[in-house]
Amino acid sequence: MALALRLNLPSILTGLLGACALIALLMRVLPAPVLRRLGLILLLPGPGLALALASLHSAPGWLEGLLIAPAAVFPTGVTLLTLPSGTTRAAIGLGADLPTRLRLIWFPLLLPSVFLSFLLATAFCIACALLDHP
């Protein structure tokens, strides 16, 4: 079992990190409604297909990581998309510097969703690595 984790987990994590970078670029380019629909379309079938491919032992690990990425990024992305647009601007107008904005606005808003994203990514990566063991 430890051998399966050693062999498959690095390639799964490589695909996951690459796909998260791609999703971050898409979040900068696409409008919010299109991004929400795309995230919902990819949210459920992606991890399910990754687990199915892992149990069939037929897909490379990076593809499994690529399919897991929407489920890992979706909670944080939704939090960022639902944030009121003037929050940071209002804090700057009230005299808050960067450390204060991070401590009082961004960390409390993003910490629960980042924790959920990390938990989902970890669970799916370990499940795919364990299922990929022949």
C-alpha atoms as a PDB file:
ATOM      1  CA  MET A   1       0.000   0.000   0.000  1.00  0.00           C
ATOM      2  CA  ALA A   2       2.821   2.435   0.799  1.00  0.00           C
ATOM      3  CA  LEU A   3       4.402   1.598  -2.552  1.00  0.00           C
ATOM      4  CA  ALA A   4       1.188   2.577  -4.353  1.00  0.00           C
ATOM      5  CA  LEU A   5       1.152   5.926  -2.566  1.00  0.00           C
ATOM      6  CA  ARG A   6       4.798   6.513  -3.433  1.00  0.00           C
ATOM      7  CA  LEU A   7       4.354   5.635  -7.104  1.00  0.00           C
ATOM      8  CA  ASN A   8       1.060   7.317  -7.920  1.00  0.00           C
ATOM      9  CA  LEU A   9       0.727  10.280  -5.600  1.00  0.00           C
ATOM     10  CA  PRO A  10       3.407  12.517  -7.196  1.00  0.00           C
ATOM     11  CA  SER A  11       1.842  12.259 -10.646  1.00  0.00           C
ATOM     12  CA  ILE A  12      -1.647  12.853  -9.232  1.00  0.00           C
ATOM     13  CA  LEU A  13      -0.412  15.935  -7.356  1.00  0.00           C
ATOM     14  CA  THR A  14       1.338  17.209 -10.498  1.00  0.00           C
ATOM     15  CA  GLY A  15      -1.899  17.014 -12.468  1.00  0.00           C
ATOM     16  CA  LEU A  16      -3.833  18.612  -9.602  1.00  0.00           C
ATOM     17  CA  LEU A  17      -1.447  21.568  -9.299  1.00  0.00           C
ATOM     18  CA  GLY A  18      -1.330  22.092 -13.060  1.00  0.00           C
ATOM     19  CA  ALA A  19      -5.112  22.064 -13.318  1.00  0.00           C
ATOM     20  CA  CYS A  20      -5.450  24.435 -10.343  1.00  0.00           C
ATOM     21  CA  ALA A  21      -3.103  26.869 -12.112  1.00  0.00           C
ATOM     22  CA  LEU A  22      -5.214  26.579 -15.270  1.00  0.00           C
ATOM     23  CA  ILE A  23      -8.414  27.199 -13.307  1.00  0.00           C
ATOM     24  CA  ALA A  24      -6.824  30.238 -11.644  1.00  0.00           C
ATOM     25  CA  LEU A  25      -6.059  31.651 -15.094  1.00  0.00           C
ATOM     26  CA  LEU A  26      -9.627  30.977 -16.208  1.00  0.00           C
ATOM     27  CA  MET A  27     -10.910  32.791 -13.119  1.00  0.00           C
ATOM     28  CA  ARG A  28      -9.023  35.899 -14.252  1.00  0.00           C
ATOM     29  CA  VAL A  29     -10.343  35.701 -17.844  1.00  0.00           C
ATOM     30  CA  LEU A  30     -13.908  34.378 -17.770  1.00  0.00           C
ATOM     31  CA  PRO A  31     -16.881  36.304 -16.374  1.00  0.00           C
ATOM     32  CA  ALA A  32     -18.325  35.103 -13.067  1.00  0.00           C
ATOM     33  CA  PRO A  33     -21.600  33.551 -14.377  1.00  0.00           C
ATOM     34  CA  VAL A  34     -19.758  31.496 -17.005  1.00  0.00           C
ATOM     35  CA  LEU A  35     -17.219  30.397 -14.415  1.00  0.00           C
ATOM     36  CA  ARG A  36     -19.938  29.290 -11.977  1.00  0.00           C
ATOM     37  CA  ARG A  37     -21.698  27.206 -14.632  1.00  0.00           C
ATOM     38  CA  LEU A  38     -18.450  25.640 -15.807  1.00  0.00           C
ATOM     39  CA  GLY A  39     -17.497  24.796 -12.218  1.00  0.00           C
ATOM     40  CA  LEU A  40     -20.852  23.157 -11.548  1.00  0.00           C
ATOM     41  CA  ILE A  41     -20.691  21.182 -14.791  1.00  0.00           C
ATOM     42  CA  LEU A  42     -17.239  19.806 -13.907  1.00  0.00           C
ATOM     43  CA  LEU A  43     -17.757  19.449 -10.150  1.00  0.00           C
ATOM     44  CA  LEU A  44     -19.483  16.072  -9.869  1.00  0.00           C
ATOM     45  CA  PRO A  45     -18.353  14.079 -12.910  1.00  0.00           C
ATOM     46  CA  GLY A  46     -14.678  15.011 -12.527  1.00  0.00           C
ATOM     47  CA  PRO A  47     -13.830  13.313  -9.205  1.00  0.00           C
ATOM     48  CA  GLY A  48     -16.157  10.406  -9.993  1.00  0.00           C
ATOM     49  CA  LEU A  49     -14.377   9.793 -13.284  1.00  0.00           C
ATOM     50  CA  ALA A  50     -10.998  10.122 -11.553  1.00  0.00           C
ATOM     51  CA  LEU A  51     -11.949   7.449  -9.026  1.00  0.00           C
ATOM     52  CA  ALA A  52     -13.349   5.214 -11.786  1.00  0.00           C
ATOM     53  CA  LEU A  53     -10.182   5.552 -13.862  1.00  0.00           C
ATOM     54  CA  ALA A  54      -8.045   4.861 -10.802  1.00  0.00           C
ATOM     55  CA  SER A  55      -9.924   1.661 -10.063  1.00  0.00           C
ATOM     56  CA  LEU A  56      -9.514   0.530 -13.698  1.00  0.00           C
ATOM     57  CA  HIS A  57      -5.724   1.139 -13.554  1.00  0.00           C
ATOM     58  CA  SER A  58      -5.844   2.549 -17.074  1.00  0.00           C
ATOM     59  CA  ALA A  59      -5.210   6.279 -16.759  1.00  0.00           C
ATOM     60  CA  PRO A  60      -2.034   8.196 -16.009  1.00  0.00           C
ATOM     61  CA  GLY A  61      -1.941   9.845 -12.604  1.00  0.00           C
ATOM     62  CA  TRP A  62      -1.804  13.381 -13.962  1.00  0.00           C
ATOM     63  CA  LEU A  63      -5.189  12.840 -15.632  1.00  0.00           C
ATOM     64  CA  GLU A  64      -6.695  11.799 -12.315  1.00  0.00           C
ATOM     65  CA  GLY A  65      -5.274  14.946 -10.705  1.00  0.00           C
ATOM     66  CA  LEU A  66      -6.694  17.033 -13.544  1.00  0.00           C
ATOM     67  CA  LEU A  67     -10.150  15.572 -12.936  1.00  0.00           C
ATOM     68  CA  ILE A  68      -9.945  16.168  -9.174  1.00  0.00           C
ATOM     69  CA  ALA A  69      -9.019  19.856  -9.534  1.00  0.00           C
ATOM     70  CA  PRO A  70     -12.536  21.322 -10.038  1.00  0.00           C
ATOM     71  CA  ALA A  71     -13.731  19.796  -6.766  1.00  0.00           C
ATOM     72  CA  ALA A  72     -10.665  21.148  -4.976  1.00  0.00           C
ATOM     73  CA  VAL A  73     -10.908  24.680  -6.387  1.00  0.00           C
ATOM     74  CA  PHE A  74     -14.684  25.145  -6.401  1.00  0.00           C
ATOM     75  CA  PRO A  75     -15.203  26.075  -2.687  1.00  0.00           C
ATOM     76  CA  THR A  76     -12.511  28.768  -2.735  1.00  0.00           C
ATOM     77  CA  GLY A  77     -13.583  30.015  -6.156  1.00  0.00           C
ATOM     78  CA  VAL A  78     -17.190  30.429  -5.064  1.00  0.00           C
ATOM     79  CA  THR A  79     -16.064  32.392  -2.017  1.00  0.00           C
ATOM     80  CA  LEU A  80     -13.973  34.693  -4.186  1.00  0.00           C
ATOM     81  CA  LEU A  81     -16.793  35.178  -6.703  1.00  0.00           C
ATOM     82  CA  THR A  82     -19.392  36.034  -4.052  1.00  0.00           C
ATOM     83  CA  LEU A  83     -17.198  38.586  -2.277  1.00  0.00           C
ATOM     84  CA  PRO A  84     -18.593  42.119  -2.654  1.00  0.00           C
ATOM     85  CA  SER A  85     -16.462  44.026  -5.139  1.00  0.00           C
ATOM     86  CA  GLY A  86     -15.888  47.105  -2.989  1.00  0.00           C
ATOM     87  CA  THR A  87     -14.718  45.375   0.177  1.00  0.00           C
ATOM     88  CA  THR A  88     -11.012  45.954  -0.317  1.00  0.00           C
ATOM     89  CA  ARG A  89     -11.578  49.426  -1.722  1.00  0.00           C
ATOM     90  CA  ALA A  90     -13.640  50.387   1.329  1.00  0.00           C
ATOM     91  CA  ALA A  91     -10.952  49.051   3.673  1.00  0.00           C
ATOM     92  CA  ILE A  92      -8.310  51.064   1.846  1.00  0.00           C
ATOM     93  CA  GLY A  93     -10.542  54.134   2.070  1.00  0.00           C
ATOM     94  CA  LEU A  94     -10.830  53.634   5.814  1.00  0.00           C
ATOM     95  CA  GLY A  95      -7.044  53.521   6.136  1.00  0.00           C
ATOM     96  CA  ALA A  96      -6.387  49.780   6.469  1.00  0.00           C
ATOM     97  CA  ASP A  97      -2.944  48.734   5.277  1.00  0.00           C
ATOM     98  CA  LEU A  98      -2.214  45.383   3.593  1.00  0.00           C
ATOM     99  CA  PRO A  99      -1.519  43.332   6.755  1.00  0.00           C
ATOM    100  CA  THR A 100      -4.697  44.649   8.363  1.00  0.00           C
ATOM    101  CA  ARG A 101      -6.767  43.839   5.266  1.00  0.00           C
ATOM    102  CA  LEU A 102      -5.320  40.337   5.143  1.00  0.00           C
ATOM    103  CA  ARG A 103      -5.897  39.730   8.846  1.00  0.00           C
ATOM    104  CA  LEU A 104      -9.372  41.222   9.142  1.00  0.00           C
ATOM    105  CA  ILE A 105     -10.925  40.644   5.701  1.00  0.00           C
ATOM    106  CA  TRP A 106      -9.231  38.015   3.566  1.00  0.00           C
ATOM    107  CA  PHE A 107      -8.189  35.377   6.116  1.00  0.00           C
ATOM    108  CA  PRO A 108     -11.580  35.155   7.870  1.00  0.00           C
ATOM    109  CA  LEU A 109     -13.403  34.988   4.526  1.00  0.00           C
ATOM    110  CA  LEU A 110     -11.150  32.469   2.812  1.00  0.00           C
ATOM    111  CA  LEU A 111      -9.976  30.226   5.649  1.00  0.00           C
ATOM    112  CA  PRO A 112     -13.042  27.909   5.803  1.00  0.00           C
ATOM    113  CA  SER A 113     -13.200  27.441   2.038  1.00  0.00           C
ATOM    114  CA  VAL A 114      -9.440  26.926   1.700  1.00  0.00           C
ATOM    115  CA  PHE A 115      -9.586  24.326   4.470  1.00  0.00           C
ATOM    116  CA  LEU A 116     -12.460  22.527   2.698  1.00  0.00           C
ATOM    117  CA  SER A 117     -10.579  22.659  -0.614  1.00  0.00           C
ATOM    118  CA  PHE A 118      -7.460  21.231   1.012  1.00  0.00           C
ATOM    119  CA  LEU A 119      -9.494  18.479   2.683  1.00  0.00           C
ATOM    120  CA  LEU A 120     -11.237  17.517  -0.573  1.00  0.00           C
ATOM    121  CA  ALA A 121      -7.998  17.507  -2.557  1.00  0.00           C
ATOM    122  CA  THR A 122      -6.236  15.382   0.045  1.00  0.00           C
ATOM    123  CA  ALA A 123      -9.078  12.879   0.300  1.00  0.00           C
ATOM    124  CA  PHE A 124      -9.468  12.480  -3.469  1.00  0.00           C
ATOM    125  CA  CYS A 125      -5.713  12.222  -4.107  1.00  0.00           C
ATOM    126  CA  ILE A 126      -5.235   9.539  -1.465  1.00  0.00           C
ATOM    127  CA  ALA A 127      -8.341   7.668  -2.663  1.00  0.00           C
ATOM    128  CA  CYS A 128      -7.092   7.692  -6.261  1.00  0.00           C
ATOM    129  CA  ALA A 129      -3.610   6.580  -5.203  1.00  0.00           C
ATOM    130  CA  LEU A 130      -5.051   3.723  -3.120  1.00  0.00           C
ATOM    131  CA  LEU A 131      -7.484   2.631  -5.824  1.00  0.00           C
ATOM    132  CA  ASP A 132      -4.757   2.659  -8.458  1.00  0.00           C
ATOM    133  CA  HIS A 133      -2.856  -0.044  -6.605  1.00  0.00           C
ATOM    134  CA  PRO A 134      -3.138  -3.269  -8.665  1.00  0.00           C
END
